[in-house]
Structure formats: C-alpha cells, structure tokens
Amino acid sequence: MVKTVAVIGAGVSGLISLKCCVDEGLEPTCFERTEDIGGLWRFKESVEDGRASIYQSVITNTSKEMSCFSDFPMPEDFPNFLHNSKLLEYFRIFAKKFDLLKYIQFQTLVISVKRRPDFSSSGQWEVVTQRDGQEHSKVFDAVMVCSGHHIIPHIPLGSFPGIERFKGQYFHSRQYKHPEGFEGKRVLVIGIGNSASDIAVELSKKANQVFISTRHGSWVMGRMSKDGYPWDMMFHTRFSSMLKNILPRTVLKWMMEQQVNRWFNHENYGLEPHNKYLMKEPILNDDLPSRLLYGVIKVKSKVKKLTETSAIFEDGTVEEPIDVIILATGYTFSFPFLEDSFVKVENNMVSLYKYMFPPQLKKSTLACIGLIQPLGSIFPTVELQARWATRVFKGLCSLPSEQTMMEDIIKRNEKRIDLFGESQSQILQTYYIDYLDELALEIGAKPDLLPLLLKDPKLAVKLYFGPCNSYQYRLEGPGQWEGARNAILTQKQRILKPLKTRTLNTASNSSASFLLKILGLLVVVVAFIFQLQWL
C-alpha cells in the first residue's frame, strides 16, 4: 500500500502535489534543488543551471480568479493579473496556510530515481539525492515528478546559417532579465511566443529598433476583454467549450478570426498566421500592436541567413546592422534522473497516459505533474493532475491496461497534431476545459449540471455560462469544499476590488441609468401605440 511519496521540485506543481498528498493521508517528502519555493515564478538576477529562468517584468497571462487553487482564492486586493513577485507571495501564503514547508528539503538535488528489484510487486522506488556534497538514498512508495519543462533551452542554431560568423551578441531568451544595456541597439528577436513578444515590447522602449522574426505569425489578444473584465473570464466557459466541440472547424476558425481582428487587423500588421486552420494558442500582449503602430517594432519573415552584421530574411529583405539576436525558440525537456528515460519524446509525441503516467510500468506509482501546456491556466490543471495521481497511488482510482493507454496516447497525439500542428512548441498543447473535465471525471469531481439545474439553478447557470474556474471542481466528490459555491458567486467582487481605488457616487449614476431605462421603455410603448393607430 502506498504511504510515502517523493515529490521532485517545489514550484507550483510541487506545492500543490504536497497538499494533495496530505489531503489523501499520504506522507510526502519534497526535494528542491534551490533554497526556496516558487520554481519558475521566483525571479533571480542570474541564470542558474537546472532551474527555470524568467525576466524581471513577467506578469501572468491568466487572471487571479482563473489561476488560484480550488479551495484557496487569492486575496481580494490582489490585482487581476499578477507580477511574478505577487504570484510568489500567493504561493508563500498558500504554503503557510497548509503548513507545507515542513515537507520540503531545500538545496537537495535528485540524482536518480530507480525502480526497486521487487517493483513488480511493491511498486517502490529508490531515490538518490545529493546535499552538501553527500549522497543519500531512500525508498518511496510513489514518485511525483514536478520539476517543470522550462529549463532546457531549445537552440536550433542549424536553422540560422551564418550565425557562427555573426559578430554581435546572441543568446536564448532564458538569459534575458531586463532592458538595461540595450540602449541604442538594433535587436532581432527570433520567435513569436509570449516571451518573444514581451521581450520585444520591453526592449523597444530602450533599443534603437527591434525586429520580430516569425515563420508562421500568430493571433494577438489583450488581457482585457468585454467591459474590461479579464479575457479568460469570458473565453473559458462551458458554453463556449460546447460550441467548440460541436461546430465545424471552419466555423470556429471564422469566429476566432472575427474575435481577434476586432482589436486590430492582423493582416495589416503582418501578424496573421499562415495556417489559420490550426487552433494554436494566441499571444497575450497588451502593448505589441501599439509598438508596431509606433514603428519601434517591425515584423519580419523567417531568417534565411545571417552575415557578420546583418540578417537576411526569407522574403529577400535585409536588416543591417543587427547588434543583438535573442532566440525565443522555446524549450525542450529531459529528466536525466529517471531510469530508462520513462518520459521522452518520440515521433513528436510524449508517451504518457493523459500527459501523466508512463504506460509501461507494472505499478502506477510514478506520475508527471505539469508536463502539459493547456490553452488556459496551468495552476488548476496541475492541481487536478495531482488530485488524480494521489488517488491512483492509493488504489482509489485505477488505470486501464498498457495497450489501452498506448492507444489513447496515439489517438490523443493525432488529435493534437490536427488541432494545433506539429511544431516543437505544440507537443504538450491541449484544450483547457475538456482536459480539466477529463481529470475531474476520473476522481468524481466533475460537476453534474442537470441535477444542479433543478436543485440550484442560479449556480448551474453560473457554471455553464460563467467562467470555468477551479472552484467548480470542489462542489462535489472527494475533497469537496464548503466554500466553493460562495467563491463562484462572489468572484465578481474579487475582480473589481483592486480596480475600485477611487470612490464614485454610484447611487446617482444608477438612479440616472434606471430613469433612462424607464424613459426608453415609455418611448417604445408610445411608438407602439402610435403605430397601432395608423393600422
């Protein structure tokens, strides 16, 4: 019977995995190679080997109500989109609230994770760690790999002929920290993901000129949506998810195109994606269109060749001089401490059942948490992964046969390629609500809307037409939280709280609005009566 669990990494996936272990009565031990929690979201001025690295200005792309853990809303006064330091503060509050730090061994590097000789019967693992130059070995009943996938930079130098002759500076976006030192430079950013656009926008305020080179283009969205509410509160609803699943792809593509082009025409700005048929993740950037409008950023096609001082693009244009090249070309992933490389990419596919479980293991006692890229917030996603994994470890949930899991992996991968394409950056891509519901169904936490409509119609309508946030998965089933309903019904006040920093006389405004509505209704009635007289 599983009792002890090794958790590798104390970032967001590691923290929520610790809590889920404790909730299920398991005994976790977390190994964190650095001196603190936070993982990716803890900014440091220097780049460290084996650790994710972010730039100083990073702000979340998903809002606080869509990003918080399911039984722990973020404080009301927190802004809707958080600077990395503010998100780290939330993690610290979370860790303190649930007393998680006592389970973490800091500055401890995991050297290897190997199956015990009797694994086929015990399912146990031998975990070897290193601390203060000394190695330690301990046996665990299960392992949760939470070390992330933003550590090893993908640097395809072969894709840029002539880069060995380039006299300027070039480096991966992982090494970028802040815009100081780029004053007066002409900078080429290769790539058009969220990091690429963030870095380009920030540098455009210091550099002489910034160029973005993109092979395929991308849709761009802002964090603000209808009436100023966060974009994901409007975008991720069960109603919109239902439409996505029943409407033809051509209709969905057209709807997406209409929606994103309301802000600005992507074709006019040189950003329109080549293959609009793919449902790829859009860029979230509030400033990129305006910086293009100012001319301080220019969009270029794919780099064909580099010279000592210039960049030659696929369309034949040349930009010279180029002083700095930043390769925002994404990440690859590797888990060298895992025996036999259970987690690997073959044929553009990650061989994990539902992005979590290696199908070839005789005992399902190892799970990867966070090795996924949902079209939505990662935080509720990893929480549901951890909730499912811990129940699998305990034998409360079971996995299908190896053959069934492999068939699912292949089928899921074919669907992913069809929806998102074969790009390196899309290997871990998945739809958001569909995947959350899939995990929740495994543990019996997916809300059942039809009975709820009869019992609590107000809540049911909120669940279907409102934002699909993490609270929905605490309404029923194991881990039920009595505050979930209230959290769903009061989320609007937590969104507005940090915005209402100026007192307004809303009473008079609302009265005036009410009077206008009454007058409008009277006008309609009078017009209708007047029309009847002429019939």
Protein backbone atom coordinates (compact mmCIF):
# COMPACT_ATOMS: atom_id res chain seq x y z
CA MET A 1 0.00 0.00 0.00
CA VAL A 2 1.33 3.43 -0.96
CA LYS A 3 2.19 5.62 2.00
CA THR A 4 5.38 7.60 1.29
CA VAL A 5 5.69 9.84 -1.77
CA ALA A 6 8.74 11.61 -3.19
CA VAL A 7 7.87 14.98 -4.76
CA ILE A 8 10.59 16.36 -7.03
CA GLY A 9 10.54 20.16 -7.17
CA ALA A 10 8.90 22.87 -5.03
CA GLY A 11 7.43 25.02 -7.76
CA VAL A 12 3.69 25.35 -8.30
CA SER A 13 3.30 21.66 -9.26
CA GLY A 14 5.34 20.52 -6.28
CA LEU A 15 3.45 22.67 -3.78
CA ILE A 16 0.01 21.52 -4.88
CA SER A 17 1.24 17.92 -5.04
CA LEU A 18 2.33 18.19 -1.40
CA LYS A 19 -1.08 19.45 -0.39
CA CYS A 20 -2.88 16.71 -2.33
CA CYS A 21 -0.69 14.07 -0.69
CA VAL A 22 -1.51 15.43 2.75
CA ASP A 23 -5.23 15.63 1.87
CA GLU A 24 -5.14 11.93 0.97
CA GLY A 25 -3.29 10.92 4.15
CA LEU A 26 0.00 10.22 2.36
CA GLU A 27 3.45 11.14 3.69
CA PRO A 28 5.27 13.34 1.16
CA THR A 29 8.91 14.43 1.07
CA CYS A 30 9.75 17.18 -1.42
CA PHE A 31 13.27 17.60 -2.82
CA GLU A 32 14.06 21.12 -4.07
CA ARG A 33 17.49 21.83 -5.55
CA THR A 34 17.39 25.56 -4.68
CA GLU A 35 16.95 27.41 -1.39
CA ASP A 36 13.30 28.45 -1.79
CA ILE A 37 9.88 27.64 -3.25
CA GLY A 38 8.32 29.13 -6.38
CA GLY A 39 10.15 27.42 -9.22
CA LEU A 40 9.63 29.31 -12.48
CA TRP A 41 7.90 32.20 -10.73
CA ARG A 42 10.76 33.14 -8.41
CA PHE A 43 12.83 35.74 -10.25
CA LYS A 44 16.59 35.79 -9.79
CA GLU A 45 19.02 38.20 -11.36
CA SER A 46 21.32 35.40 -12.53
CA VAL A 47 20.58 32.31 -14.60
CA GLU A 48 21.07 29.05 -12.71
CA ASP A 49 21.71 25.61 -14.20
CA GLY A 50 18.82 23.22 -13.82
CA ARG A 51 16.35 25.94 -12.86
CA ALA A 52 13.73 27.85 -14.83
CA SER A 53 14.56 31.48 -15.50
CA ILE A 54 12.26 34.46 -16.09
CA TYR A 55 12.75 38.14 -16.84
CA GLN A 56 12.05 40.72 -14.17
CA SER A 57 8.86 42.15 -15.68
CA VAL A 58 6.93 38.88 -16.16
CA ILE A 59 3.19 39.19 -15.48
CA THR A 60 0.73 36.31 -15.60
CA ASN A 61 -1.32 35.79 -18.74
CA THR A 62 -4.18 34.23 -16.80
CA SER A 63 -6.22 36.14 -14.23
CA LYS A 64 -6.20 35.52 -10.49
CA GLU A 65 -9.73 34.06 -10.38
CA MET A 66 -8.84 31.57 -13.11
CA SER A 67 -5.41 30.79 -11.65
CA CYS A 68 -5.97 30.21 -7.94
CA PHE A 69 -6.13 26.81 -6.32
CA SER A 70 -9.62 25.39 -5.98
CA ASP A 71 -10.08 25.80 -2.21
CA PHE A 72 -7.90 28.85 -1.70
CA PRO A 73 -8.98 32.05 -3.54
CA MET A 74 -6.41 34.79 -3.93
CA PRO A 75 -6.80 37.83 -1.66
CA GLU A 76 -9.40 40.34 -2.84
CA ASP A 77 -6.90 43.18 -3.06
CA PHE A 78 -4.52 41.28 -5.37
CA PRO A 79 -4.52 42.68 -8.92
CA ASN A 80 -6.26 40.61 -11.58
CA PHE A 81 -3.03 39.86 -13.43
CA LEU A 82 -0.07 39.32 -11.15
CA HIS A 83 3.54 40.34 -11.37
CA ASN A 84 5.75 37.31 -10.68
CA SER A 85 6.60 38.66 -7.22
CA LYS A 86 2.90 38.91 -6.33
CA LEU A 87 2.23 35.37 -7.52
CA LEU A 88 5.15 34.15 -5.44
CA GLU A 89 3.55 35.92 -2.46
CA TYR A 90 0.37 33.89 -3.07
CA PHE A 91 2.40 30.68 -3.10
CA ARG A 92 4.00 31.66 0.21
CA ILE A 93 0.59 32.35 1.77
CA PHE A 94 -0.66 29.03 0.40
CA ALA A 95 2.34 27.09 1.72
CA LYS A 96 1.98 28.69 5.16
CA LYS A 97 -1.79 28.14 5.31
CA PHE A 98 -1.43 24.40 4.71
CA ASP A 99 1.90 24.05 6.55
CA LEU A 100 3.74 22.65 3.52
CA LEU A 101 7.28 23.89 4.15
CA LYS A 102 7.94 21.20 6.75
CA TYR A 103 7.82 18.58 3.98
CA ILE A 104 10.47 20.25 1.80
CA GLN A 105 14.21 19.51 1.84
CA PHE A 106 15.86 22.54 0.23
CA GLN A 107 19.19 22.62 -1.61
CA THR A 108 18.78 18.92 -2.33
CA LEU A 109 19.44 17.63 -5.84
CA VAL A 110 17.78 14.44 -7.08
CA ILE A 111 20.47 12.27 -8.69
CA SER A 112 18.44 9.23 -9.68
CA VAL A 113 15.01 7.62 -9.40
CA LYS A 114 15.13 3.85 -9.95
CA ARG A 115 12.69 1.01 -9.57
CA ARG A 116 13.40 -1.38 -6.70
CA PRO A 117 14.25 -5.01 -7.62
CA ASP A 118 10.81 -6.07 -6.35
CA PHE A 119 8.99 -3.26 -8.21
CA SER A 120 6.57 -5.59 -9.96
CA SER A 121 5.06 -6.45 -6.57
CA SER A 122 5.92 -3.44 -4.37
CA GLY A 123 5.85 -0.57 -6.90
CA GLN A 124 8.59 1.11 -4.87
CA TRP A 125 11.33 3.47 -5.99
CA GLU A 126 14.82 4.18 -4.75
CA VAL A 127 15.51 7.92 -4.79
CA VAL A 128 19.12 9.06 -4.54
CA THR A 129 19.70 12.70 -3.60
CA GLN A 130 22.72 14.92 -3.01
CA ARG A 131 23.07 17.59 -0.36
CA ASP A 132 26.21 19.36 0.86
CA GLY A 133 28.26 17.08 -1.37
CA GLN A 134 26.91 13.89 0.23
CA GLU A 135 24.58 11.36 -1.37
CA HIS A 136 21.58 9.89 0.41
CA SER A 137 19.28 7.06 -0.63
CA LYS A 138 15.71 6.44 0.46
CA VAL A 139 12.89 4.15 -0.67
CA PHE A 140 9.49 5.64 -1.54
CA ASP A 141 6.19 4.02 -2.42
CA ALA A 142 5.48 6.54 -5.18
CA VAL A 143 7.06 9.48 -7.04
CA MET A 144 5.62 12.75 -8.39
CA VAL A 145 7.89 14.46 -10.93
CA CYS A 146 7.24 18.21 -10.62
CA SER A 147 10.47 19.67 -12.00
CA GLY A 148 8.90 21.56 -14.90
CA HIS A 149 9.67 21.87 -18.61
CA HIS A 150 11.06 25.41 -18.94
CA ILE A 151 14.64 24.56 -18.03
CA ILE A 152 16.50 23.26 -21.08
CA PRO A 153 16.51 25.87 -23.89
CA HIS A 154 15.79 24.74 -27.44
CA ILE A 155 18.50 26.42 -29.53
CA PRO A 156 18.30 25.26 -33.18
CA LEU A 157 21.46 27.00 -34.43
CA GLY A 158 21.36 24.89 -37.59
CA SER A 159 18.23 26.77 -38.62
CA PHE A 160 20.21 30.02 -38.86
CA PRO A 161 23.01 29.61 -41.44
CA GLY A 162 25.89 32.02 -40.86
CA ILE A 163 25.27 32.51 -37.15
CA GLU A 164 28.83 31.29 -36.45
CA ARG A 165 30.11 34.37 -38.35
CA PHE A 166 27.79 36.83 -36.62
CA LYS A 167 29.92 39.41 -34.78
CA GLY A 168 27.16 40.64 -32.49
CA GLN A 169 25.76 39.05 -29.38
CA TYR A 170 23.25 36.20 -29.49
CA PHE A 171 21.61 34.22 -26.68
CA HIS A 172 18.43 32.34 -25.73
CA SER A 173 15.55 34.29 -24.18
CA ARG A 174 16.12 32.31 -20.98
CA GLN A 175 19.14 34.56 -20.35
CA TYR A 176 17.21 37.82 -20.75
CA LYS A 177 16.48 39.63 -17.48
CA HIS A 178 15.78 43.34 -18.13
CA PRO A 179 16.19 46.01 -20.86
CA GLU A 180 19.16 47.84 -19.35
CA GLY A 181 22.23 47.59 -21.56
CA PHE A 182 20.31 47.54 -24.84
CA GLU A 183 20.15 51.32 -25.26
CA GLY A 184 20.71 52.34 -28.87
CA LYS A 185 20.95 48.74 -30.09
CA ARG A 186 19.23 47.16 -33.08
CA VAL A 187 17.79 43.91 -31.76
CA LEU A 188 16.37 40.90 -33.61
CA VAL A 189 14.03 38.65 -31.62
CA ILE A 190 13.51 35.27 -33.30
CA GLY A 191 10.19 33.69 -32.37
CA ILE A 192 6.72 34.99 -31.65
CA GLY A 193 5.52 33.34 -28.47
CA ASN A 194 4.58 35.17 -25.29
CA SER A 195 8.19 35.57 -24.16
CA ALA A 196 9.29 36.85 -27.57
CA SER A 197 6.57 39.50 -27.72
CA ASP A 198 7.09 40.55 -24.07
CA ILE A 199 10.83 40.95 -24.58
CA ALA A 200 10.41 42.78 -27.90
CA VAL A 201 7.94 45.26 -26.37
CA GLU A 202 10.12 45.91 -23.36
CA LEU A 203 13.28 46.37 -25.43
CA SER A 204 11.52 48.71 -27.85
CA LYS A 205 11.45 51.32 -25.08
CA LYS A 206 15.25 51.29 -24.83
CA ALA A 207 16.67 49.98 -28.11
CA ASN A 208 17.07 51.93 -31.31
CA GLN A 209 14.99 49.38 -33.27
CA VAL A 210 13.51 45.94 -32.57
CA PHE A 211 12.60 43.30 -35.15
CA ILE A 212 10.49 40.19 -34.59
CA SER A 213 11.13 37.31 -36.97
CA THR A 214 8.30 34.79 -37.30
CA ARG A 215 7.83 31.77 -39.53
CA HIS A 216 4.08 31.44 -39.19
CA GLY A 217 2.67 34.56 -37.49
CA SER A 218 0.22 34.50 -34.59
CA TRP A 219 -3.04 35.90 -33.32
CA VAL A 220 -2.59 38.51 -30.60
CA MET A 221 -5.03 39.15 -27.76
CA GLY A 222 -5.05 41.60 -24.87
CA ARG A 223 -5.64 40.75 -21.24
CA MET A 224 -8.72 42.97 -21.21
CA SER A 225 -12.00 41.68 -22.65
CA LYS A 226 -15.61 42.86 -22.77
CA ASP A 227 -16.40 45.62 -20.25
CA GLY A 228 -12.79 45.47 -19.07
CA TYR A 229 -13.05 42.02 -17.49
CA PRO A 230 -10.07 39.63 -17.77
CA TRP A 231 -10.02 37.82 -21.12
CA ASP A 232 -10.06 34.31 -19.69
CA MET A 233 -13.17 35.00 -17.60
CA MET A 234 -15.03 35.49 -20.89
CA PHE A 235 -13.15 32.99 -23.05
CA HIS A 236 -13.15 29.85 -20.87
CA THR A 237 -16.80 28.97 -20.28
CA ARG A 238 -18.59 25.66 -20.60
CA PHE A 239 -20.91 27.22 -23.15
CA SER A 240 -18.02 28.26 -25.41
CA SER A 241 -16.41 24.85 -24.87
CA MET A 242 -19.64 23.19 -26.02
CA LEU A 243 -19.67 25.34 -29.18
CA LYS A 244 -16.05 24.45 -29.86
CA ASN A 245 -16.88 20.75 -29.70
CA ILE A 246 -19.98 20.79 -31.92
CA LEU A 247 -19.29 23.49 -34.51
CA PRO A 248 -17.35 22.68 -37.72
CA ARG A 249 -13.69 23.71 -37.68
CA THR A 250 -14.21 26.23 -40.48
CA VAL A 251 -16.89 27.99 -38.42
CA LEU A 252 -14.66 28.00 -35.32
CA LYS A 253 -11.77 29.41 -37.36
CA TRP A 254 -14.01 32.15 -38.72
CA MET A 255 -15.32 33.00 -35.24
CA MET A 256 -11.78 33.15 -33.83
CA GLU A 257 -10.65 35.33 -36.71
CA GLN A 258 -13.54 37.74 -36.20
CA GLN A 259 -12.91 37.92 -32.48
CA VAL A 260 -9.18 38.64 -32.60
CA ASN A 261 -9.47 41.07 -35.51
CA ARG A 262 -11.88 43.30 -33.59
CA TRP A 263 -8.89 44.78 -31.81
CA PHE A 264 -6.75 45.29 -34.92
CA ASN A 265 -6.46 43.75 -38.37
CA HIS A 266 -3.67 41.17 -38.11
CA GLU A 267 -3.08 41.11 -41.85
CA ASN A 268 -2.34 44.84 -41.87
CA TYR A 269 0.22 44.36 -39.10
CA GLY A 270 1.98 41.39 -40.72
CA LEU A 271 0.94 39.02 -37.92
CA GLU A 272 -1.82 36.95 -39.49
CA PRO A 273 -0.98 33.23 -39.07
CA HIS A 274 -0.11 31.31 -42.23
CA ASN A 275 -2.26 28.34 -41.25
CA LYS A 276 -5.38 29.85 -39.74
CA TYR A 277 -6.96 26.40 -39.70
CA LEU A 278 -4.91 25.42 -36.65
CA MET A 279 -6.29 26.28 -33.20
CA LYS A 280 -2.94 27.42 -31.81
CA GLU A 281 -2.50 29.38 -28.60
CA PRO A 282 -2.66 33.15 -29.25
CA ILE A 283 -0.15 35.63 -27.84
CA LEU A 284 -1.31 37.62 -24.81
CA ASN A 285 0.23 41.07 -25.11
CA ASP A 286 -1.41 44.41 -24.41
CA ASP A 287 1.29 46.58 -25.99
CA LEU A 288 2.56 44.81 -29.11
CA PRO A 289 0.06 46.34 -31.60
CA SER A 290 0.76 49.88 -30.40
CA ARG A 291 4.54 49.35 -30.54
CA LEU A 292 4.11 48.16 -34.13
CA LEU A 293 2.00 51.25 -34.79
CA TYR A 294 4.82 53.45 -33.46
CA GLY A 295 7.30 51.65 -35.72
CA VAL A 296 9.66 50.81 -32.87
CA ILE A 297 8.97 47.12 -33.56
CA LYS A 298 8.86 45.67 -37.08
CA VAL A 299 7.64 42.21 -38.01
CA LYS A 300 9.88 40.24 -40.36
CA SER A 301 9.61 36.85 -42.03
CA LYS A 302 11.75 33.80 -41.26
CA VAL A 303 15.52 34.33 -41.07
CA LYS A 304 17.14 32.82 -44.16
CA LYS A 305 20.75 33.66 -43.40
CA LEU A 306 22.95 35.72 -41.11
CA THR A 307 26.10 37.61 -42.01
CA GLU A 308 28.67 39.23 -39.77
CA THR A 309 26.45 42.25 -39.19
CA SER A 310 23.09 41.64 -40.85
CA ALA A 311 20.04 39.39 -41.13
CA ILE A 312 18.68 38.26 -44.49
CA PHE A 313 15.04 37.20 -44.42
CA GLU A 314 13.05 34.69 -46.46
CA ASP A 315 11.27 37.47 -48.36
CA GLY A 316 14.61 38.84 -49.56
CA THR A 317 14.74 41.88 -47.29
CA VAL A 318 17.87 42.70 -45.32
CA GLU A 319 18.27 44.47 -42.00
CA GLU A 320 21.67 45.93 -41.17
CA PRO A 321 23.24 46.39 -38.77
CA ILE A 322 21.95 43.87 -36.22
CA ASP A 323 23.67 44.20 -32.85
CA VAL A 324 21.88 41.55 -30.78
CA ILE A 325 19.90 38.39 -31.58
CA ILE A 326 17.59 36.89 -28.96
CA LEU A 327 16.48 33.32 -29.67
CA ALA A 328 12.98 32.97 -28.21
CA THR A 329 12.79 29.45 -29.61
CA GLY A 330 11.20 27.65 -26.69
CA TYR A 331 12.30 24.74 -24.56
CA THR A 332 12.87 21.04 -24.73
CA PHE A 333 12.60 18.75 -21.75
CA SER A 334 14.57 15.96 -20.20
CA PHE A 335 14.53 14.06 -16.92
CA PRO A 336 18.02 12.58 -16.64
CA PHE A 337 17.40 11.32 -13.10
CA LEU A 338 14.67 8.96 -14.32
CA GLU A 339 15.61 5.36 -15.01
CA ASP A 340 15.32 4.26 -18.66
CA SER A 341 14.05 7.73 -19.64
CA PHE A 342 10.40 6.94 -18.97
CA VAL A 343 9.48 10.45 -20.11
CA LYS A 344 10.71 11.07 -23.64
CA VAL A 345 9.60 12.46 -26.96
CA GLU A 346 9.37 10.02 -29.87
CA ASN A 347 7.81 10.79 -33.24
CA ASN A 348 6.77 14.23 -31.96
CA MET A 349 4.80 12.59 -29.14
CA VAL A 350 5.12 12.40 -25.36
CA SER A 351 4.44 8.80 -24.33
CA LEU A 352 2.49 9.49 -21.16
CA TYR A 353 -1.10 8.49 -20.49
CA LYS A 354 -3.08 11.73 -20.27
CA TYR A 355 0.30 13.53 -20.08
CA MET A 356 0.94 11.96 -16.67
CA PHE A 357 1.54 8.20 -16.40
CA PRO A 358 4.18 6.06 -18.19
CA PRO A 359 2.04 3.22 -19.60
CA GLN A 360 4.77 0.55 -19.46
CA LEU A 361 5.04 0.46 -15.64
CA LYS A 362 3.63 -2.61 -13.94
CA LYS A 363 2.63 -0.46 -10.97
CA SER A 364 1.21 3.04 -11.46
CA THR A 365 3.35 4.69 -8.80
CA LEU A 366 5.04 7.42 -10.84
CA ALA A 367 3.31 10.48 -12.26
CA CYS A 368 4.49 13.62 -14.05
CA ILE A 369 2.72 16.76 -12.84
CA GLY A 370 2.76 19.90 -15.00
CA LEU A 371 4.20 18.38 -18.18
CA ILE A 372 1.45 19.97 -20.23
CA GLN A 373 0.54 23.21 -21.97
CA PRO A 374 -3.20 23.88 -21.66
CA LEU A 375 -4.99 26.68 -23.51
CA GLY A 376 -5.70 28.19 -20.12
CA SER A 377 -4.22 28.46 -16.65
CA ILE A 378 -1.66 25.85 -15.65
CA PHE A 379 -2.45 26.09 -11.92
CA PRO A 380 -5.93 24.45 -11.83
CA THR A 381 -4.60 21.95 -14.37
CA VAL A 382 -1.72 20.71 -12.22
CA GLU A 383 -3.98 20.66 -9.17
CA LEU A 384 -6.40 18.24 -10.80
CA GLN A 385 -3.47 16.17 -12.06
CA ALA A 386 -2.13 15.92 -8.52
CA ARG A 387 -5.55 15.09 -7.07
CA TRP A 388 -5.95 12.24 -9.57
CA ALA A 389 -2.38 10.95 -9.18
CA THR A 390 -2.60 10.67 -5.39
CA ARG A 391 -5.87 8.72 -5.65
CA VAL A 392 -4.31 6.41 -8.22
CA PHE A 393 -1.41 5.83 -5.81
CA LYS A 394 -3.86 4.89 -3.06
CA GLY A 395 -5.75 2.49 -5.31
CA LEU A 396 -8.94 4.57 -5.19
CA CYS A 397 -8.69 5.15 -8.94
CA SER A 398 -7.30 2.66 -11.43
CA LEU A 399 -5.63 2.97 -14.82
CA PRO A 400 -6.51 0.83 -17.88
CA SER A 401 -4.21 -1.74 -19.45
CA GLU A 402 -0.92 -0.76 -21.10
CA GLN A 403 -2.42 -1.42 -24.54
CA THR A 404 -5.43 0.79 -23.84
CA MET A 405 -3.20 3.57 -22.52
CA MET A 406 -0.94 3.40 -25.60
CA GLU A 407 -3.96 3.54 -27.90
CA ASP A 408 -5.18 6.62 -26.04
CA ILE A 409 -1.73 8.26 -26.28
CA ILE A 410 -1.58 7.70 -30.06
CA LYS A 411 -5.16 8.86 -30.62
CA ARG A 412 -4.66 11.93 -28.42
CA ASN A 413 -1.47 12.81 -30.28
CA GLU A 414 -3.17 12.55 -33.68
CA LYS A 415 -5.92 14.87 -32.45
CA ARG A 416 -3.35 17.30 -31.06
CA ILE A 417 -1.50 17.48 -34.38
CA ASP A 418 -4.77 18.01 -36.23
CA LEU A 419 -5.81 20.83 -33.90
CA PHE A 420 -2.53 22.55 -33.10
CA GLY A 421 0.06 21.38 -35.65
CA GLU A 422 3.41 19.62 -35.42
CA SER A 423 5.55 22.49 -34.17
CA GLN A 424 8.02 21.84 -31.32
CA SER A 425 6.09 24.35 -29.20
CA GLN A 426 2.82 22.42 -29.58
CA ILE A 427 3.94 18.99 -28.31
CA LEU A 428 2.24 19.48 -24.92
CA GLN A 429 -0.75 21.52 -26.15
CA THR A 430 -4.29 20.56 -25.16
CA TYR A 431 -7.74 22.10 -24.87
CA TYR A 432 -8.42 23.50 -21.42
CA ILE A 433 -11.91 22.71 -20.11
CA ASP A 434 -12.04 19.35 -21.90
CA TYR A 435 -8.86 18.24 -20.14
CA LEU A 436 -9.95 19.57 -16.74
CA ASP A 437 -13.26 17.74 -17.00
CA GLU A 438 -11.46 14.59 -18.10
CA LEU A 439 -9.31 14.62 -14.96
CA ALA A 440 -12.20 15.61 -12.71
CA LEU A 441 -14.29 12.74 -14.08
CA GLU A 442 -11.56 10.31 -13.01
CA ILE A 443 -11.88 11.35 -9.37
CA GLY A 444 -15.63 12.04 -9.34
CA ALA A 445 -15.31 15.82 -9.03
CA LYS A 446 -16.83 16.93 -12.35
CA PRO A 447 -19.97 18.98 -11.64
CA ASP A 448 -23.22 17.38 -12.84
CA LEU A 449 -25.11 20.30 -14.31
CA LEU A 450 -28.53 18.76 -14.98
CA PRO A 451 -29.39 17.77 -11.40
CA LEU A 452 -27.81 21.02 -10.23
CA LEU A 453 -30.12 22.97 -12.56
CA LEU A 454 -33.11 21.58 -10.70
CA LYS A 455 -31.59 21.94 -7.24
CA ASP A 456 -29.67 25.21 -7.56
CA PRO A 457 -30.48 26.94 -10.90
CA LYS A 458 -28.57 30.12 -10.03
CA LEU A 459 -25.36 28.17 -9.50
CA ALA A 460 -25.95 25.95 -12.54
CA VAL A 461 -26.29 28.98 -14.84
CA LYS A 462 -23.06 30.41 -13.40
CA LEU A 463 -21.26 27.14 -14.03
CA TYR A 464 -22.40 26.88 -17.63
CA PHE A 465 -22.26 30.44 -18.88
CA GLY A 466 -19.75 31.90 -16.42
CA PRO A 467 -16.01 31.34 -16.23
CA CYS A 468 -14.93 27.74 -15.69
CA ASN A 469 -12.60 28.23 -12.76
CA SER A 470 -11.12 25.79 -10.28
CA TYR A 471 -13.87 26.21 -7.64
CA GLN A 472 -16.21 24.17 -9.85
CA TYR A 473 -14.18 21.06 -9.07
CA ARG A 474 -14.73 21.37 -5.31
CA LEU A 475 -18.54 21.36 -5.38
CA GLU A 476 -18.87 17.58 -5.13
CA GLY A 477 -16.88 14.40 -4.89
CA PRO A 478 -13.72 13.78 -2.84
CA GLY A 479 -12.13 16.93 -1.49
CA GLN A 480 -15.44 18.79 -1.51
CA TRP A 481 -15.05 22.34 -0.14
CA GLU A 482 -17.99 24.02 1.54
CA GLY A 483 -16.82 27.45 0.37
CA ALA A 484 -16.87 26.54 -3.35
CA ARG A 485 -20.40 27.79 -4.09
CA ASN A 486 -19.81 31.11 -2.40
CA ALA A 487 -16.46 31.52 -4.17
CA ILE A 488 -18.18 31.07 -7.53
CA LEU A 489 -20.99 33.52 -6.74
CA THR A 490 -18.67 36.20 -5.30
CA GLN A 491 -15.86 36.13 -7.86
CA LYS A 492 -17.01 39.38 -9.46
CA GLN A 493 -16.35 41.35 -6.26
CA ARG A 494 -12.81 39.94 -6.09
CA ILE A 495 -12.24 41.04 -9.70
CA LEU A 496 -13.49 44.58 -9.06
CA LYS A 497 -11.97 45.10 -5.60
CA PRO A 498 -8.43 46.04 -6.77
CA LEU A 499 -9.86 48.29 -9.51
CA LYS A 500 -12.10 50.41 -7.29
CA THR A 501 -9.40 52.58 -5.77
CA ARG A 502 -11.41 55.77 -6.32
CA THR A 503 -14.74 56.34 -4.61
CA LEU A 504 -17.60 57.12 -7.00
CA ASN A 505 -21.12 58.28 -6.31
CA THR A 506 -22.65 55.18 -7.86
CA ALA A 507 -26.09 55.77 -6.38
CA SER A 508 -26.79 58.82 -8.56
CA ASN A 509 -25.37 57.07 -11.60
CA SER A 510 -27.52 54.00 -11.07
CA SER A 511 -30.59 56.19 -10.49
CA ALA A 512 -29.94 58.06 -13.72
CA SER A 513 -29.42 54.79 -15.54
CA PHE A 514 -32.70 53.46 -14.14
CA LEU A 515 -34.58 56.59 -15.22
CA LEU A 516 -33.15 56.37 -18.72
CA LYS A 517 -34.29 52.77 -18.99
CA ILE A 518 -37.82 53.76 -17.86
CA LEU A 519 -37.91 56.61 -20.37
CA GLY A 520 -36.68 54.30 -23.10
CA LEU A 521 -39.44 51.83 -22.28
CA LEU A 522 -42.07 54.60 -22.37
CA VAL A 523 -40.82 55.75 -25.77
CA VAL A 524 -41.15 52.20 -27.11
CA VAL A 525 -44.70 51.89 -25.69
CA VAL A 526 -45.78 55.28 -27.13
CA ALA A 527 -44.28 54.40 -30.50
CA PHE A 528 -46.12 51.06 -30.50
CA ILE A 529 -49.48 52.73 -29.63
CA PHE A 530 -48.89 55.39 -32.28
CA GLN A 531 -48.22 52.67 -34.85
CA LEU A 532 -51.43 50.83 -33.93
CA GLN A 533 -53.45 53.98 -34.61
CA TRP A 534 -52.24 54.01 -38.20
CA LEU A 535 -53.09 50.37 -38.88
